[in-house]
Amino acid sequence: MKLRSLRRRPATSVLWRAGWQWVGVDGPSELIGPDDPADGIDAEGLRLLLRAVFTGAGGTHDDWDTYDRVMREERRVAVLIEPTRVYGTYS
């Protein structure tokens, strides 16, 4: 449902919280995936991008081949946000 909504209206807001501190980001999103192609991103580029997003968020995996296969089978998408507004209780 969220993916369908982002395809219609790419305006995005996300919020991260750690204890009592939080930060929010608003901005337009760009979808990159098998059903949302981007110039210069082929299947190999998408594989590497999905890994980069996952590891950038702190994820690790014991079997990257399985990870890549599941991402392909589930037609996973990277959601990239261009921040236009950042706000919160960060210091």
PDB file of N, CA and C in Angstrom:
ATOM      1  N   MET A   1       0.815  -1.183   0.000  1.00  0.00           N
ATOM      2  CA  MET A   1       0.000   0.000   0.000  1.00  0.00           C
ATOM      3  C   MET A   1       0.873   1.267   0.000  1.00  0.00           C
ATOM      4  N   LYS A   2       1.924   1.268   0.846  1.00  0.00           N
ATOM      5  CA  LYS A   2       2.797   2.439   0.926  1.00  0.00           C
ATOM      6  C   LYS A   2       3.512   2.682  -0.389  1.00  0.00           C
ATOM      7  N   LEU A   3       3.954   1.602  -1.013  1.00  0.00           N
ATOM      8  CA  LEU A   3       4.665   1.731  -2.286  1.00  0.00           C
ATOM      9  C   LEU A   3       3.749   2.308  -3.359  1.00  0.00           C
ATOM     10  N   ARG A   4       2.538   1.832  -3.403  1.00  0.00           N
ATOM     11  CA  ARG A   4       1.565   2.353  -4.368  1.00  0.00           C
ATOM     12  C   ARG A   4       1.325   3.844  -4.118  1.00  0.00           C
ATOM     13  N   SER A   5       1.224   4.213  -2.860  1.00  0.00           N
ATOM     14  CA  SER A   5       1.012   5.612  -2.501  1.00  0.00           C
ATOM     15  C   SER A   5       2.201   6.475  -2.917  1.00  0.00           C
ATOM     16  N   LEU A   6       3.422   5.989  -2.692  1.00  0.00           N
ATOM     17  CA  LEU A   6       4.610   6.750  -3.093  1.00  0.00           C
ATOM     18  C   LEU A   6       4.712   6.903  -4.606  1.00  0.00           C
ATOM     19  N   ARG A   7       4.232   5.929  -5.342  1.00  0.00           N
ATOM     20  CA  ARG A   7       4.252   6.051  -6.807  1.00  0.00           C
ATOM     21  C   ARG A   7       3.303   7.154  -7.270  1.00  0.00           C
ATOM     22  N   ARG A   8       2.184   7.312  -6.578  1.00  0.00           N
ATOM     23  CA  ARG A   8       1.213   8.356  -6.939  1.00  0.00           C
ATOM     24  C   ARG A   8       1.648   9.725  -6.443  1.00  0.00           C
ATOM     25  N   ARG A   9       2.202   9.758  -5.233  1.00  0.00           N
ATOM     26  CA  ARG A   9       2.565  11.019  -4.593  1.00  0.00           C
ATOM     27  C   ARG A   9       3.887  10.821  -3.855  1.00  0.00           C
ATOM     28  N   PRO A  10       4.991  11.271  -4.430  1.00  0.00           N
ATOM     29  CA  PRO A  10       6.306  10.982  -3.850  1.00  0.00           C
ATOM     30  C   PRO A  10       6.682  11.818  -2.626  1.00  0.00           C
ATOM     31  N   ALA A  11       5.806  12.717  -2.167  1.00  0.00           N
ATOM     32  CA  ALA A  11       6.108  13.494  -0.963  1.00  0.00           C
ATOM     33  C   ALA A  11       6.219  12.530   0.217  1.00  0.00           C
ATOM     34  N   THR A  12       7.309  12.654   0.986  1.00  0.00           N
ATOM     35  CA  THR A  12       7.607  11.672   2.028  1.00  0.00           C
ATOM     36  C   THR A  12       7.987  12.362   3.324  1.00  0.00           C
ATOM     37  N   SER A  13       7.571  11.770   4.423  1.00  0.00           N
ATOM     38  CA  SER A  13       8.017  12.175   5.753  1.00  0.00           C
ATOM     39  C   SER A  13       8.441  10.920   6.495  1.00  0.00           C
ATOM     40  N   VAL A  14       9.606  10.963   7.115  1.00  0.00           N
ATOM     41  CA  VAL A  14      10.069   9.835   7.931  1.00  0.00           C
ATOM     42  C   VAL A  14      10.531  10.380   9.274  1.00  0.00           C
ATOM     43  N   LEU A  15      10.464   9.526  10.286  1.00  0.00           N
ATOM     44  CA  LEU A  15      10.828   9.911  11.636  1.00  0.00           C
ATOM     45  C   LEU A  15      11.644   8.793  12.263  1.00  0.00           C
ATOM     46  N   TRP A  16      12.756   9.158  12.926  1.00  0.00           N
ATOM     47  CA  TRP A  16      13.563   8.209  13.681  1.00  0.00           C
ATOM     48  C   TRP A  16      13.554   8.653  15.130  1.00  0.00           C
ATOM     49  N   ARG A  17      13.511   7.681  16.029  1.00  0.00           N
ATOM     50  CA  ARG A  17      13.488   7.996  17.454  1.00  0.00           C
ATOM     51  C   ARG A  17      14.466   7.090  18.189  1.00  0.00           C
ATOM     52  N   ALA A  18      15.186   7.673  19.134  1.00  0.00           N
ATOM     53  CA  ALA A  18      16.062   6.921  20.041  1.00  0.00           C
ATOM     54  C   ALA A  18      15.840   7.516  21.419  1.00  0.00           C
ATOM     55  N   GLY A  19      15.158   6.781  22.273  1.00  0.00           N
ATOM     56  CA  GLY A  19      14.811   7.316  23.587  1.00  0.00           C
ATOM     57  C   GLY A  19      13.898   8.510  23.419  1.00  0.00           C
ATOM     58  N   TRP A  20      14.298   9.632  24.030  1.00  0.00           N
ATOM     59  CA  TRP A  20      13.478  10.842  23.920  1.00  0.00           C
ATOM     60  C   TRP A  20      13.951  11.771  22.814  1.00  0.00           C
ATOM     61  N   GLN A  21      15.008  11.390  22.094  1.00  0.00           N
ATOM     62  CA  GLN A  21      15.460  12.210  20.969  1.00  0.00           C
ATOM     63  C   GLN A  21      14.859  11.680  19.679  1.00  0.00           C
ATOM     64  N   TRP A  22      14.558  12.582  18.769  1.00  0.00           N
ATOM     65  CA  TRP A  22      13.974  12.174  17.501  1.00  0.00           C
ATOM     66  C   TRP A  22      14.368  13.179  16.424  1.00  0.00           C
ATOM     67  N   VAL A  23      14.276  12.739  15.195  1.00  0.00           N
ATOM     68  CA  VAL A  23      14.506  13.610  14.048  1.00  0.00           C
ATOM     69  C   VAL A  23      13.531  13.215  12.943  1.00  0.00           C
ATOM     70  N   GLY A  24      12.998  14.208  12.275  1.00  0.00           N
ATOM     71  CA  GLY A  24      12.096  13.981  11.148  1.00  0.00           C
ATOM     72  C   GLY A  24      12.685  14.590   9.887  1.00  0.00           C
ATOM     73  N   VAL A  25      12.364  14.000   8.764  1.00  0.00           N
ATOM     74  CA  VAL A  25      12.830  14.487   7.467  1.00  0.00           C
ATOM     75  C   VAL A  25      11.645  14.479   6.505  1.00  0.00           C
ATOM     76  N   ASP A  26      11.451  15.592   5.810  1.00  0.00           N
ATOM     77  CA  ASP A  26      10.433  15.695   4.765  1.00  0.00           C
ATOM     78  C   ASP A  26      11.136  15.925   3.437  1.00  0.00           C
ATOM     79  N   GLY A  27      10.559  15.407   2.361  1.00  0.00           N
ATOM     80  CA  GLY A  27      11.093  15.671   1.035  1.00  0.00           C
ATOM     81  C   GLY A  27      10.545  14.703   0.012  1.00  0.00           C
ATOM     82  N   PRO A  28      10.810  14.962  -1.249  1.00  0.00           N
ATOM     83  CA  PRO A  28      10.353  14.057  -2.304  1.00  0.00           C
ATOM     84  C   PRO A  28      11.173  12.763  -2.308  1.00  0.00           C
ATOM     85  N   SER A  29      10.514  11.677  -2.625  1.00  0.00           N
ATOM     86  CA  SER A  29      11.202  10.389  -2.679  1.00  0.00           C
ATOM     87  C   SER A  29      11.375   9.933  -4.121  1.00  0.00           C
ATOM     88  N   GLU A  30      12.390   9.118  -4.315  1.00  0.00           N
ATOM     89  CA  GLU A  30      12.637   8.463  -5.599  1.00  0.00           C
ATOM     90  C   GLU A  30      12.662   6.965  -5.334  1.00  0.00           C
ATOM     91  N   LEU A  31      11.899   6.225  -6.104  1.00  0.00           N
ATOM     92  CA  LEU A  31      11.851   4.775  -5.979  1.00  0.00           C
ATOM     93  C   LEU A  31      12.769   4.167  -7.024  1.00  0.00           C
ATOM     94  N   ILE A  32      13.574   3.189  -6.612  1.00  0.00           N
ATOM     95  CA  ILE A  32      14.436   2.478  -7.552  1.00  0.00           C
ATOM     96  C   ILE A  32      14.277   0.993  -7.278  1.00  0.00           C
ATOM     97  N   GLY A  33      13.760   0.282  -8.266  1.00  0.00           N
ATOM     98  CA  GLY A  33      13.528  -1.143  -8.131  1.00  0.00           C
ATOM     99  C   GLY A  33      13.171  -1.755  -9.466  1.00  0.00           C
ATOM    100  N   PRO A  34      12.844  -3.039  -9.474  1.00  0.00           N
ATOM    101  CA  PRO A  34      12.546  -3.710 -10.735  1.00  0.00           C
ATOM    102  C   PRO A  34      11.334  -3.121 -11.458  1.00  0.00           C
ATOM    103  N   ASP A  35      10.376  -2.586 -10.714  1.00  0.00           N
ATOM    104  CA  ASP A  35       9.200  -1.965 -11.333  1.00  0.00           C
ATOM    105  C   ASP A  35       9.303  -0.451 -11.359  1.00  0.00           C
ATOM    106  N   ASP A  36      10.404   0.076 -10.879  1.00  0.00           N
ATOM    107  CA  ASP A  36      10.662   1.514 -10.830  1.00  0.00           C
ATOM    108  C   ASP A  36      12.091   1.768 -11.293  1.00  0.00           C
ATOM    109  N   PRO A  37      12.353   1.571 -12.589  1.00  0.00           N
ATOM    110  CA  PRO A  37      13.724   1.701 -13.087  1.00  0.00           C
ATOM    111  C   PRO A  37      14.237   3.140 -12.984  1.00  0.00           C
ATOM    112  N   ALA A  38      15.557   3.261 -12.861  1.00  0.00           N
ATOM    113  CA  ALA A  38      16.226   4.564 -12.821  1.00  0.00           C
ATOM    114  C   ALA A  38      17.361   4.545 -13.836  1.00  0.00           C
ATOM    115  N   ASP A  39      17.572   5.676 -14.464  1.00  0.00           N
ATOM    116  CA  ASP A  39      18.667   5.784 -15.433  1.00  0.00           C
ATOM    117  C   ASP A  39      19.985   5.405 -14.776  1.00  0.00           C
ATOM    118  N   GLY A  40      20.745   4.561 -15.448  1.00  0.00           N
ATOM    119  CA  GLY A  40      22.063   4.178 -14.984  1.00  0.00           C
ATOM    120  C   GLY A  40      22.082   3.077 -13.932  1.00  0.00           C
ATOM    121  N   ILE A  41      20.908   2.563 -13.541  1.00  0.00           N
ATOM    122  CA  ILE A  41      20.849   1.480 -12.547  1.00  0.00           C
ATOM    123  C   ILE A  41      20.318   0.223 -13.235  1.00  0.00           C
ATOM    124  N   ASP A  42      21.214  -0.715 -13.490  1.00  0.00           N
ATOM    125  CA  ASP A  42      20.805  -1.995 -14.066  1.00  0.00           C
ATOM    126  C   ASP A  42      20.590  -2.999 -12.936  1.00  0.00           C
ATOM    127  N   ALA A  43      20.377  -4.266 -13.264  1.00  0.00           N
ATOM    128  CA  ALA A  43      20.107  -5.286 -12.242  1.00  0.00           C
ATOM    129  C   ALA A  43      21.254  -5.377 -11.231  1.00  0.00           C
ATOM    130  N   GLU A  44      22.486  -5.302 -11.695  1.00  0.00           N
ATOM    131  CA  GLU A  44      23.638  -5.359 -10.790  1.00  0.00           C
ATOM    132  C   GLU A  44      23.691  -4.115  -9.909  1.00  0.00           C
ATOM    133  N   GLY A  45      23.424  -2.964 -10.493  1.00  0.00           N
ATOM    134  CA  GLY A  45      23.401  -1.724  -9.716  1.00  0.00           C
ATOM    135  C   GLY A  45      22.322  -1.750  -8.649  1.00  0.00           C
ATOM    136  N   LEU A  46      21.155  -2.311  -8.982  1.00  0.00           N
ATOM    137  CA  LEU A  46      20.074  -2.424  -8.003  1.00  0.00           C
ATOM    138  C   LEU A  46      20.468  -3.373  -6.881  1.00  0.00           C
ATOM    139  N   ARG A  47      21.088  -4.485  -7.216  1.00  0.00           N
ATOM    140  CA  ARG A  47      21.552  -5.439  -6.204  1.00  0.00           C
ATOM    141  C   ARG A  47      22.486  -4.743  -5.215  1.00  0.00           C
ATOM    142  N   LEU A  48      23.442  -3.983  -5.735  1.00  0.00           N
ATOM    143  CA  LEU A  48      24.396  -3.277  -4.882  1.00  0.00           C
ATOM    144  C   LEU A  48      23.726  -2.156  -4.082  1.00  0.00           C
ATOM    145  N   LEU A  49      22.765  -1.459  -4.694  1.00  0.00           N
ATOM    146  CA  LEU A  49      22.052  -0.393  -4.002  1.00  0.00           C
ATOM    147  C   LEU A  49      21.249  -0.946  -2.828  1.00  0.00           C
ATOM    148  N   LEU A  50      20.532  -2.048  -3.043  1.00  0.00           N
ATOM    149  CA  LEU A  50      19.745  -2.638  -1.956  1.00  0.00           C
ATOM    150  C   LEU A  50      20.648  -3.097  -0.812  1.00  0.00           C
ATOM    151  N   ARG A  51      21.798  -3.639  -1.145  1.00  0.00           N
ATOM    152  CA  ARG A  51      22.760  -4.020  -0.101  1.00  0.00           C
ATOM    153  C   ARG A  51      23.249  -2.783   0.649  1.00  0.00           C
ATOM    154  N   ALA A  52      23.553  -1.716  -0.081  1.00  0.00           N
ATOM    155  CA  ALA A  52      24.066  -0.492   0.540  1.00  0.00           C
ATOM    156  C   ALA A  52      23.031   0.128   1.473  1.00  0.00           C
ATOM    157  N   VAL A  53      21.778   0.129   1.066  1.00  0.00           N
ATOM    158  CA  VAL A  53      20.716   0.663   1.931  1.00  0.00           C
ATOM    159  C   VAL A  53      20.609  -0.186   3.196  1.00  0.00           C
ATOM    160  N   PHE A  54      20.628  -1.499   3.036  1.00  0.00           N
ATOM    161  CA  PHE A  54      20.503  -2.427   4.169  1.00  0.00           C
ATOM    162  C   PHE A  54      21.664  -2.267   5.145  1.00  0.00           C
ATOM    163  N   THR A  55      22.892  -2.275   4.638  1.00  0.00           N
ATOM    164  CA  THR A  55      24.048  -2.154   5.522  1.00  0.00           C
ATOM    165  C   THR A  55      24.165  -0.744   6.098  1.00  0.00           C
ATOM    166  N   GLY A  56      23.753   0.264   5.333  1.00  0.00           N
ATOM    167  CA  GLY A  56      23.772   1.635   5.822  1.00  0.00           C
ATOM    168  C   GLY A  56      22.834   1.834   7.005  1.00  0.00           C
ATOM    169  N   ALA A  57      21.786   1.018   7.077  1.00  0.00           N
ATOM    170  CA  ALA A  57      20.843   1.076   8.198  1.00  0.00           C
ATOM    171  C   ALA A  57      21.295   0.170   9.340  1.00  0.00           C
ATOM    172  N   GLY A  58      22.499  -0.397   9.215  1.00  0.00           N
ATOM    173  CA  GLY A  58      23.040  -1.234  10.279  1.00  0.00           C
ATOM    174  C   GLY A  58      22.800  -2.717  10.109  1.00  0.00           C
ATOM    175  N   GLY A  59      22.227  -3.127   8.973  1.00  0.00           N
ATOM    176  CA  GLY A  59      21.947  -4.539   8.749  1.00  0.00           C
ATOM    177  C   GLY A  59      23.185  -5.341   8.393  1.00  0.00           C
ATOM    178  N   THR A  60      23.165  -6.593   8.777  1.00  0.00           N
ATOM    179  CA  THR A  60      24.214  -7.542   8.394  1.00  0.00           C
ATOM    180  C   THR A  60      23.529  -8.811   7.908  1.00  0.00           C
ATOM    181  N   HIS A  61      24.268  -9.640   7.207  1.00  0.00           N
ATOM    182  CA  HIS A  61      23.680 -10.877   6.693  1.00  0.00           C
ATOM    183  C   HIS A  61      24.760 -11.946   6.611  1.00  0.00           C
ATOM    184  N   ASP A  62      24.385 -13.180   6.941  1.00  0.00           N
ATOM    185  CA  ASP A  62      25.328 -14.297   6.898  1.00  0.00           C
ATOM    186  C   ASP A  62      25.445 -14.913   5.506  1.00  0.00           C
ATOM    187  N   ASP A  63      24.466 -14.654   4.646  1.00  0.00           N
ATOM    188  CA  ASP A  63      24.439 -15.280   3.322  1.00  0.00           C
ATOM    189  C   ASP A  63      23.937 -14.262   2.299  1.00  0.00           C
ATOM    190  N   TRP A  64      24.861 -13.496   1.730  1.00  0.00           N
ATOM    191  CA  TRP A  64      24.482 -12.428   0.808  1.00  0.00           C
ATOM    192  C   TRP A  64      23.834 -12.954  -0.460  1.00  0.00           C
ATOM    193  N   ASP A  65      24.194 -14.149  -0.908  1.00  0.00           N
ATOM    194  CA  ASP A  65      23.548 -14.704  -2.096  1.00  0.00           C
ATOM    195  C   ASP A  65      22.060 -14.918  -1.848  1.00  0.00           C
ATOM    196  N   THR A  66      21.716 -15.430  -0.662  1.00  0.00           N
ATOM    197  CA  THR A  66      20.305 -15.616  -0.306  1.00  0.00           C
ATOM    198  C   THR A  66      19.615 -14.264  -0.183  1.00  0.00           C
ATOM    199  N   TYR A  67      20.266 -13.306   0.437  1.00  0.00           N
ATOM    200  CA  TYR A  67      19.713 -11.955   0.556  1.00  0.00           C
ATOM    201  C   TYR A  67      19.373 -11.415  -0.837  1.00  0.00           C
ATOM    202  N   ASP A  68      20.331 -11.486  -1.761  1.00  0.00           N
ATOM    203  CA  ASP A  68      20.111 -10.980  -3.123  1.00  0.00           C
ATOM    204  C   ASP A  68      18.949 -11.697  -3.796  1.00  0.00           C
ATOM    205  N   ARG A  69      18.865 -13.016  -3.635  1.00  0.00           N
ATOM    206  CA  ARG A  69      17.793 -13.793  -4.249  1.00  0.00           C
ATOM    207  C   ARG A  69      16.423 -13.375  -3.707  1.00  0.00           C
ATOM    208  N   VAL A  70      16.324 -13.230  -2.399  1.00  0.00           N
ATOM    209  CA  VAL A  70      15.047 -12.845  -1.784  1.00  0.00           C
ATOM    210  C   VAL A  70      14.649 -11.433  -2.217  1.00  0.00           C
ATOM    211  N   MET A  71      15.591 -10.519  -2.264  1.00  0.00           N
ATOM    212  CA  MET A  71      15.285  -9.146  -2.710  1.00  0.00           C
ATOM    213  C   MET A  71      14.749  -9.160  -4.137  1.00  0.00           C
ATOM    214  N   ARG A  72      15.353  -9.992  -4.993  1.00  0.00           N
ATOM    215  CA  ARG A  72      14.907 -10.120  -6.382  1.00  0.00           C
ATOM    216  C   ARG A  72      13.510 -10.725  -6.450  1.00  0.00           C
ATOM    217  N   GLU A  73      13.300 -11.837  -5.735  1.00  0.00           N
ATOM    218  CA  GLU A  73      12.011 -12.533  -5.760  1.00  0.00           C
ATOM    219  C   GLU A  73      10.889 -11.667  -5.208  1.00  0.00           C
ATOM    220  N   GLU A  74      11.164 -10.888  -4.183  1.00  0.00           N
ATOM    221  CA  GLU A  74      10.143 -10.046  -3.568  1.00  0.00           C
ATOM    222  C   GLU A  74      10.022  -8.684  -4.238  1.00  0.00           C
ATOM    223  N   ARG A  75      10.842  -8.456  -5.286  1.00  0.00           N
ATOM    224  CA  ARG A  75      10.807  -7.229  -6.072  1.00  0.00           C
ATOM    225  C   ARG A  75      10.955  -5.995  -5.175  1.00  0.00           C
ATOM    226  N   ARG A  76      11.955  -6.077  -4.275  1.00  0.00           N
ATOM    227  CA  ARG A  76      12.191  -5.004  -3.310  1.00  0.00           C
ATOM    228  C   ARG A  76      12.622  -3.709  -3.991  1.00  0.00           C
ATOM    229  N   VAL A  77      12.370  -2.604  -3.325  1.00  0.00           N
ATOM    230  CA  VAL A  77      12.578  -1.260  -3.871  1.00  0.00           C
ATOM    231  C   VAL A  77      13.369  -0.424  -2.869  1.00  0.00           C
ATOM    232  N   ALA A  78      14.297   0.361  -3.366  1.00  0.00           N
ATOM    233  CA  ALA A  78      14.976   1.350  -2.525  1.00  0.00           C
ATOM    234  C   ALA A  78      14.176   2.643  -2.592  1.00  0.00           C
ATOM    235  N   VAL A  79      13.954   3.261  -1.439  1.00  0.00           N
ATOM    236  CA  VAL A  79      13.270   4.547  -1.363  1.00  0.00           C
ATOM    237  C   VAL A  79      14.303   5.571  -0.926  1.00  0.00           C
ATOM    238  N   LEU A  80      14.651   6.474  -1.818  1.00  0.00           N
ATOM    239  CA  LEU A  80      15.642   7.512  -1.538  1.00  0.00           C
ATOM    240  C   LEU A  80      14.907   8.828  -1.344  1.00  0.00           C
ATOM    241  N   ILE A  81      15.248   9.543  -0.281  1.00  0.00           N
ATOM    242  CA  ILE A  81      14.556  10.792   0.039  1.00  0.00           C
ATOM    243  C   ILE A  81      15.527  11.958  -0.094  1.00  0.00           C
ATOM    244  N   GLU A  82      15.094  13.007  -0.791  1.00  0.00           N
ATOM    245  CA  GLU A  82      15.876  14.236  -0.889  1.00  0.00           C
ATOM    246  C   GLU A  82      15.367  15.180   0.202  1.00  0.00           C
ATOM    247  N   PRO A  83      16.127  15.354   1.284  1.00  0.00           N
ATOM    248  CA  PRO A  83      15.630  16.170   2.400  1.00  0.00           C
ATOM    249  C   PRO A  83      15.414  17.625   2.000  1.00  0.00           C
ATOM    250  N   THR A  84      14.220  18.127   2.260  1.00  0.00           N
ATOM    251  CA  THR A  84      13.938  19.550   2.071  1.00  0.00           C
ATOM    252  C   THR A  84      13.679  20.218   3.411  1.00  0.00           C
ATOM    253  N   ARG A  85      13.405  19.403   4.439  1.00  0.00           N
ATOM    254  CA  ARG A  85      13.186  19.913   5.794  1.00  0.00           C
ATOM    255  C   ARG A  85      13.643  18.854   6.788  1.00  0.00           C
ATOM    256  N   VAL A  86      14.462  19.262   7.743  1.00  0.00           N
ATOM    257  CA  VAL A  86      14.928  18.364   8.809  1.00  0.00           C
ATOM    258  C   VAL A  86      14.599  19.051  10.130  1.00  0.00           C
ATOM    259  N   TYR A  87      14.008  18.317  11.064  1.00  0.00           N
ATOM    260  CA  TYR A  87      13.583  18.917  12.327  1.00  0.00           C
ATOM    261  C   TYR A  87      13.602  17.860  13.418  1.00  0.00           C
ATOM    262  N   GLY A  88      13.592  18.277  14.667  1.00  0.00           N
ATOM    263  CA  GLY A  88      13.555  17.330  15.764  1.00  0.00           C
ATOM    264  C   GLY A  88      14.277  17.829  16.985  1.00  0.00           C
ATOM    265  N   THR A  89      14.626  16.893  17.860  1.00  0.00           N
ATOM    266  CA  THR A  89      15.273  17.222  19.123  1.00  0.00           C
ATOM    267  C   THR A  89      16.745  16.871  19.115  1.00  0.00           C
ATOM    268  N   TYR A  90      17.317  16.725  17.947  1.00  0.00           N
ATOM    269  CA  TYR A  90      18.736  16.370  17.813  1.00  0.00           C
ATOM    270  C   TYR A  90      19.603  17.547  18.264  1.00  0.00           C
ATOM    271  N   SER A  91      20.847  17.263  18.563  1.00  0.00           N
ATOM    272  CA  SER A  91      21.746  18.346  18.962  1.00  0.00           C
ATOM    273  C   SER A  91      22.953  18.429  18.061  1.00  0.00           C
TER     274      SER A  91
END
